[in-house]
Amino acid sequence: MASAEDLGLIEDEVQLVLAGLREWGGPVHLTETLARAFGFAGATDFFEQSRRIRESLERGAALPPTDWRRALLATEVAFASDVVGSGVDWETTTGVPDAVALTLLRSVQRKIRH
């Protein structure tokens, strides 16, 4: 188990992951297959678990490695994919410019060991 602080994540990086998880409850399209590919039992489990993960991140609580990987993958797809994620609309829907998001995402990827 590791908190964002334990991993060396700065606040902007945590906010990026939170934004990535929130996108799945809004403009992006989650399928059962995609939820399973992220490591969840299905779409319902994704929404239940991602809510728990978001709440833990907001409190600064520690998460198991599996949850960090799931949150990272969901954020990567939400940011990059224009087919199932926010893609070109990321900046509009999250308020985070693409260049900033990419820099933060690369930093998060280096800090979250998978």
N, C-alpha and C. Protein backbone atom coordinates (compact mmCIF):
# COMPACT_ATOMS: atom_id res chain seq x y z
N MET A 1 0.85 -1.17 0.00
CA MET A 1 0.00 0.00 0.00
C MET A 1 0.90 1.24 0.00
N ALA A 2 0.48 2.21 -0.79
CA ALA A 2 1.26 3.45 -0.87
C ALA A 2 0.32 4.62 -1.10
N SER A 3 0.60 5.72 -0.44
CA SER A 3 -0.16 6.95 -0.67
C SER A 3 0.51 7.71 -1.81
N ALA A 4 -0.17 8.73 -2.29
CA ALA A 4 0.42 9.59 -3.32
C ALA A 4 1.71 10.18 -2.81
N GLU A 5 1.72 10.58 -1.55
CA GLU A 5 2.93 11.15 -0.95
C GLU A 5 4.06 10.12 -0.93
N ASP A 6 3.74 8.87 -0.57
CA ASP A 6 4.74 7.80 -0.56
C ASP A 6 5.37 7.62 -1.94
N LEU A 7 4.57 7.80 -2.98
CA LEU A 7 5.06 7.62 -4.35
C LEU A 7 5.75 8.87 -4.89
N GLY A 8 5.68 9.95 -4.14
CA GLY A 8 6.29 11.20 -4.58
C GLY A 8 5.44 11.98 -5.56
N LEU A 9 4.14 11.70 -5.59
CA LEU A 9 3.25 12.43 -6.50
C LEU A 9 2.98 13.82 -5.94
N ILE A 10 3.05 14.81 -6.80
CA ILE A 10 2.71 16.17 -6.41
C ILE A 10 1.20 16.36 -6.60
N GLU A 11 0.67 17.42 -6.03
CA GLU A 11 -0.77 17.67 -6.08
C GLU A 11 -1.32 17.69 -7.51
N ASP A 12 -0.61 18.33 -8.43
CA ASP A 12 -1.09 18.39 -9.82
C ASP A 12 -1.18 16.99 -10.44
N GLU A 13 -0.28 16.10 -10.05
CA GLU A 13 -0.32 14.73 -10.58
C GLU A 13 -1.52 13.97 -10.01
N VAL A 14 -1.79 14.16 -8.74
CA VAL A 14 -2.97 13.54 -8.13
C VAL A 14 -4.23 14.07 -8.80
N GLN A 15 -4.28 15.37 -9.03
CA GLN A 15 -5.45 15.98 -9.67
C GLN A 15 -5.63 15.45 -11.10
N LEU A 16 -4.55 15.17 -11.79
CA LEU A 16 -4.64 14.60 -13.13
C LEU A 16 -5.30 13.22 -13.08
N VAL A 17 -4.86 12.38 -12.15
CA VAL A 17 -5.45 11.04 -12.02
C VAL A 17 -6.92 11.15 -11.63
N LEU A 18 -7.23 12.05 -10.72
CA LEU A 18 -8.64 12.26 -10.36
C LEU A 18 -9.45 12.70 -11.58
N ALA A 19 -8.91 13.60 -12.37
CA ALA A 19 -9.61 14.05 -13.58
C ALA A 19 -9.81 12.89 -14.54
N GLY A 20 -8.79 12.07 -14.70
CA GLY A 20 -8.90 10.92 -15.58
C GLY A 20 -9.98 9.95 -15.14
N LEU A 21 -10.06 9.70 -13.85
CA LEU A 21 -11.11 8.81 -13.33
C LEU A 21 -12.49 9.43 -13.47
N ARG A 22 -12.59 10.72 -13.25
CA ARG A 22 -13.90 11.40 -13.36
C ARG A 22 -14.42 11.41 -14.79
N GLU A 23 -13.53 11.42 -15.76
CA GLU A 23 -13.97 11.44 -17.15
C GLU A 23 -14.87 10.26 -17.48
N TRP A 24 -14.63 9.12 -16.83
CA TRP A 24 -15.42 7.92 -17.12
C TRP A 24 -16.85 8.04 -16.64
N GLY A 25 -17.12 8.97 -15.76
CA GLY A 25 -18.48 9.18 -15.32
C GLY A 25 -19.17 10.26 -16.13
N GLY A 26 -18.47 10.78 -17.13
CA GLY A 26 -19.01 11.89 -17.92
C GLY A 26 -18.95 11.62 -19.40
N PRO A 27 -18.04 12.29 -20.09
CA PRO A 27 -18.07 12.28 -21.56
C PRO A 27 -17.51 11.03 -22.24
N VAL A 28 -16.82 10.16 -21.51
CA VAL A 28 -16.21 9.02 -22.19
C VAL A 28 -17.10 7.79 -22.11
N HIS A 29 -16.83 6.83 -22.98
CA HIS A 29 -17.70 5.66 -23.14
C HIS A 29 -17.01 4.41 -22.60
N LEU A 30 -17.51 3.91 -21.48
CA LEU A 30 -16.97 2.71 -20.87
C LEU A 30 -17.80 1.50 -21.30
N THR A 31 -17.11 0.49 -21.79
CA THR A 31 -17.78 -0.77 -22.13
C THR A 31 -17.40 -1.82 -21.08
N GLU A 32 -18.15 -2.89 -21.04
CA GLU A 32 -17.83 -4.00 -20.13
C GLU A 32 -16.43 -4.54 -20.44
N THR A 33 -16.13 -4.70 -21.71
CA THR A 33 -14.84 -5.23 -22.12
C THR A 33 -13.70 -4.32 -21.68
N LEU A 34 -13.88 -3.04 -21.86
CA LEU A 34 -12.84 -2.08 -21.47
C LEU A 34 -12.67 -2.06 -19.95
N ALA A 35 -13.76 -2.11 -19.21
CA ALA A 35 -13.66 -2.15 -17.75
C ALA A 35 -12.88 -3.38 -17.30
N ARG A 36 -13.13 -4.52 -17.93
CA ARG A 36 -12.38 -5.74 -17.59
C ARG A 36 -10.91 -5.60 -17.98
N ALA A 37 -10.65 -4.95 -19.11
CA ALA A 37 -9.25 -4.74 -19.52
C ALA A 37 -8.49 -3.86 -18.52
N PHE A 38 -9.21 -2.96 -17.86
CA PHE A 38 -8.61 -2.11 -16.83
C PHE A 38 -8.37 -2.88 -15.53
N GLY A 39 -8.91 -4.10 -15.44
CA GLY A 39 -8.73 -4.91 -14.24
C GLY A 39 -9.91 -4.95 -13.30
N PHE A 40 -11.06 -4.50 -13.77
CA PHE A 40 -12.28 -4.53 -12.97
C PHE A 40 -13.15 -5.69 -13.44
N ALA A 41 -14.13 -6.06 -12.62
CA ALA A 41 -15.03 -7.17 -12.98
C ALA A 41 -15.97 -6.79 -14.12
N GLY A 42 -16.21 -5.52 -14.30
CA GLY A 42 -17.10 -5.01 -15.34
C GLY A 42 -17.35 -3.54 -15.09
N ALA A 43 -18.28 -2.96 -15.85
CA ALA A 43 -18.54 -1.52 -15.76
C ALA A 43 -19.07 -1.11 -14.39
N THR A 44 -19.98 -1.89 -13.83
CA THR A 44 -20.52 -1.55 -12.51
C THR A 44 -19.41 -1.55 -11.47
N ASP A 45 -18.56 -2.57 -11.51
CA ASP A 45 -17.42 -2.65 -10.59
C ASP A 45 -16.47 -1.48 -10.81
N PHE A 46 -16.25 -1.12 -12.07
CA PHE A 46 -15.38 0.03 -12.35
C PHE A 46 -15.90 1.28 -11.63
N PHE A 47 -17.17 1.57 -11.79
CA PHE A 47 -17.72 2.79 -11.19
C PHE A 47 -17.68 2.74 -9.67
N GLU A 48 -17.97 1.57 -9.09
CA GLU A 48 -17.90 1.44 -7.64
C GLU A 48 -16.46 1.60 -7.14
N GLN A 49 -15.54 0.89 -7.78
CA GLN A 49 -14.14 0.92 -7.35
C GLN A 49 -13.48 2.26 -7.65
N SER A 50 -13.80 2.86 -8.79
CA SER A 50 -13.17 4.15 -9.11
C SER A 50 -13.65 5.23 -8.16
N ARG A 51 -14.88 5.14 -7.70
CA ARG A 51 -15.38 6.09 -6.69
C ARG A 51 -14.57 5.91 -5.40
N ARG A 52 -14.35 4.67 -5.00
CA ARG A 52 -13.57 4.38 -3.80
C ARG A 52 -12.13 4.89 -3.96
N ILE A 53 -11.54 4.65 -5.13
CA ILE A 53 -10.17 5.11 -5.39
C ILE A 53 -10.10 6.63 -5.36
N ARG A 54 -11.06 7.30 -6.00
CA ARG A 54 -11.09 8.78 -5.98
C ARG A 54 -11.20 9.31 -4.56
N GLU A 55 -12.10 8.73 -3.78
CA GLU A 55 -12.26 9.17 -2.40
C GLU A 55 -10.98 8.96 -1.60
N SER A 56 -10.30 7.85 -1.83
CA SER A 56 -9.03 7.59 -1.14
C SER A 56 -7.98 8.61 -1.55
N LEU A 57 -7.91 8.91 -2.84
CA LEU A 57 -6.93 9.90 -3.31
C LEU A 57 -7.22 11.28 -2.72
N GLU A 58 -8.48 11.63 -2.65
CA GLU A 58 -8.86 12.93 -2.10
C GLU A 58 -8.50 13.05 -0.62
N ARG A 59 -8.52 11.93 0.09
CA ARG A 59 -8.16 11.92 1.52
C ARG A 59 -6.66 11.73 1.74
N GLY A 60 -5.92 11.40 0.69
CA GLY A 60 -4.49 11.14 0.84
C GLY A 60 -4.20 9.76 1.40
N ALA A 61 -5.18 8.86 1.31
CA ALA A 61 -5.03 7.51 1.84
C ALA A 61 -4.16 6.65 0.91
N ALA A 62 -3.62 5.61 1.49
CA ALA A 62 -2.80 4.67 0.73
C ALA A 62 -3.68 3.75 -0.11
N LEU A 63 -3.15 3.36 -1.26
CA LEU A 63 -3.84 2.42 -2.15
C LEU A 63 -2.92 1.25 -2.45
N PRO A 64 -3.49 0.07 -2.70
CA PRO A 64 -2.66 -1.06 -3.12
C PRO A 64 -2.16 -0.83 -4.55
N PRO A 65 -1.07 -1.50 -4.92
CA PRO A 65 -0.52 -1.33 -6.28
C PRO A 65 -1.55 -1.56 -7.38
N THR A 66 -2.45 -2.52 -7.19
CA THR A 66 -3.47 -2.80 -8.20
C THR A 66 -4.33 -1.57 -8.47
N ASP A 67 -4.72 -0.86 -7.43
CA ASP A 67 -5.55 0.34 -7.62
C ASP A 67 -4.77 1.45 -8.30
N TRP A 68 -3.50 1.61 -7.98
CA TRP A 68 -2.68 2.63 -8.66
C TRP A 68 -2.60 2.32 -10.15
N ARG A 69 -2.38 1.03 -10.49
CA ARG A 69 -2.30 0.64 -11.92
C ARG A 69 -3.62 0.88 -12.63
N ARG A 70 -4.72 0.51 -11.99
CA ARG A 70 -6.04 0.71 -12.60
C ARG A 70 -6.31 2.21 -12.84
N ALA A 71 -6.01 3.02 -11.84
CA ALA A 71 -6.23 4.47 -11.96
C ALA A 71 -5.36 5.07 -13.06
N LEU A 72 -4.12 4.61 -13.14
CA LEU A 72 -3.22 5.11 -14.17
C LEU A 72 -3.71 4.71 -15.56
N LEU A 73 -4.06 3.46 -15.74
CA LEU A 73 -4.54 3.00 -17.05
C LEU A 73 -5.81 3.72 -17.47
N ALA A 74 -6.74 3.88 -16.54
CA ALA A 74 -7.99 4.59 -16.87
C ALA A 74 -7.69 6.04 -17.26
N THR A 75 -6.73 6.66 -16.59
CA THR A 75 -6.35 8.04 -16.92
C THR A 75 -5.68 8.10 -18.28
N GLU A 76 -4.78 7.17 -18.55
CA GLU A 76 -4.09 7.14 -19.84
C GLU A 76 -5.09 7.04 -20.99
N VAL A 77 -6.04 6.14 -20.87
CA VAL A 77 -7.02 5.93 -21.94
C VAL A 77 -7.96 7.13 -22.06
N ALA A 78 -8.41 7.65 -20.92
CA ALA A 78 -9.30 8.82 -20.96
C ALA A 78 -8.61 9.99 -21.64
N PHE A 79 -7.34 10.20 -21.35
CA PHE A 79 -6.60 11.31 -21.94
C PHE A 79 -6.30 11.09 -23.42
N ALA A 80 -5.79 9.94 -23.77
CA ALA A 80 -5.24 9.74 -25.10
C ALA A 80 -6.24 9.27 -26.15
N SER A 81 -7.19 8.44 -25.77
CA SER A 81 -8.07 7.84 -26.77
C SER A 81 -9.20 8.77 -27.19
N ASP A 82 -9.32 8.96 -28.49
CA ASP A 82 -10.45 9.72 -29.02
C ASP A 82 -11.59 8.78 -29.41
N VAL A 83 -11.33 7.47 -29.34
CA VAL A 83 -12.36 6.48 -29.66
C VAL A 83 -13.23 6.20 -28.44
N VAL A 84 -12.60 5.93 -27.29
CA VAL A 84 -13.37 5.63 -26.08
C VAL A 84 -13.11 6.63 -24.95
N GLY A 85 -12.10 7.47 -25.09
CA GLY A 85 -11.77 8.44 -24.05
C GLY A 85 -12.16 9.85 -24.45
N SER A 86 -11.62 10.80 -23.73
CA SER A 86 -11.88 12.21 -24.03
C SER A 86 -11.10 12.68 -25.24
N GLY A 87 -9.88 12.15 -25.39
CA GLY A 87 -9.07 12.47 -26.56
C GLY A 87 -8.95 13.95 -26.80
N VAL A 88 -9.34 14.39 -27.99
CA VAL A 88 -9.18 15.79 -28.37
C VAL A 88 -10.03 16.73 -27.53
N ASP A 89 -10.99 16.21 -26.80
CA ASP A 89 -11.84 17.04 -25.94
C ASP A 89 -11.33 17.13 -24.50
N TRP A 90 -10.22 16.45 -24.20
CA TRP A 90 -9.68 16.41 -22.83
C TRP A 90 -9.57 17.80 -22.21
N GLU A 91 -8.94 18.71 -22.89
CA GLU A 91 -8.75 20.04 -22.34
C GLU A 91 -10.08 20.72 -22.04
N THR A 92 -11.04 20.55 -22.92
CA THR A 92 -12.36 21.16 -22.73
C THR A 92 -13.09 20.55 -21.54
N THR A 93 -13.03 19.24 -21.39
CA THR A 93 -13.80 18.57 -20.35
C THR A 93 -13.12 18.59 -18.99
N THR A 94 -11.78 18.69 -18.95
CA THR A 94 -11.07 18.67 -17.66
C THR A 94 -10.49 20.03 -17.28
N GLY A 95 -10.27 20.90 -18.26
CA GLY A 95 -9.62 22.17 -17.99
C GLY A 95 -8.11 22.07 -17.93
N VAL A 96 -7.57 20.88 -18.19
CA VAL A 96 -6.13 20.66 -18.16
C VAL A 96 -5.61 20.64 -19.60
N PRO A 97 -4.77 21.62 -19.97
CA PRO A 97 -4.22 21.64 -21.34
C PRO A 97 -3.48 20.34 -21.67
N ASP A 98 -3.57 19.91 -22.91
CA ASP A 98 -2.94 18.66 -23.33
C ASP A 98 -1.45 18.61 -22.99
N ALA A 99 -0.73 19.67 -23.26
CA ALA A 99 0.72 19.68 -23.00
C ALA A 99 1.01 19.50 -21.52
N VAL A 100 0.23 20.13 -20.68
CA VAL A 100 0.40 19.98 -19.23
C VAL A 100 0.04 18.56 -18.81
N ALA A 101 -1.08 18.07 -19.32
CA ALA A 101 -1.53 16.72 -18.98
C ALA A 101 -0.50 15.68 -19.39
N LEU A 102 0.08 15.83 -20.56
CA LEU A 102 1.07 14.86 -21.02
C LEU A 102 2.31 14.87 -20.14
N THR A 103 2.78 16.04 -19.78
CA THR A 103 3.95 16.15 -18.90
C THR A 103 3.65 15.51 -17.54
N LEU A 104 2.48 15.82 -16.98
CA LEU A 104 2.10 15.24 -15.69
C LEU A 104 1.92 13.73 -15.81
N LEU A 105 1.30 13.29 -16.88
CA LEU A 105 1.07 11.86 -17.07
C LEU A 105 2.39 11.10 -17.14
N ARG A 106 3.34 11.62 -17.88
CA ARG A 106 4.65 10.95 -17.97
C ARG A 106 5.31 10.87 -16.60
N SER A 107 5.17 11.90 -15.81
CA SER A 107 5.74 11.90 -14.46
C SER A 107 5.05 10.85 -13.59
N VAL A 108 3.73 10.78 -13.66
CA VAL A 108 2.98 9.78 -12.90
C VAL A 108 3.39 8.37 -13.33
N GLN A 109 3.54 8.18 -14.63
CA GLN A 109 3.95 6.85 -15.13
C GLN A 109 5.29 6.43 -14.56
N ARG A 110 6.19 7.36 -14.40
CA ARG A 110 7.52 7.04 -13.84
C ARG A 110 7.44 6.71 -12.36
N LYS A 111 6.49 7.31 -11.67
CA LYS A 111 6.39 7.14 -10.22
C LYS A 111 5.57 5.94 -9.80
N ILE A 112 4.60 5.56 -10.61
CA ILE A 112 3.78 4.40 -10.29
C ILE A 112 4.40 3.20 -10.97
N ARG A 113 4.98 2.37 -10.19
CA ARG A 113 5.63 1.16 -10.73
C ARG A 113 4.57 0.11 -11.03
N HIS A 114 4.67 -0.48 -12.21
CA HIS A 114 3.69 -1.51 -12.57
C HIS A 114 4.39 -2.75 -12.92
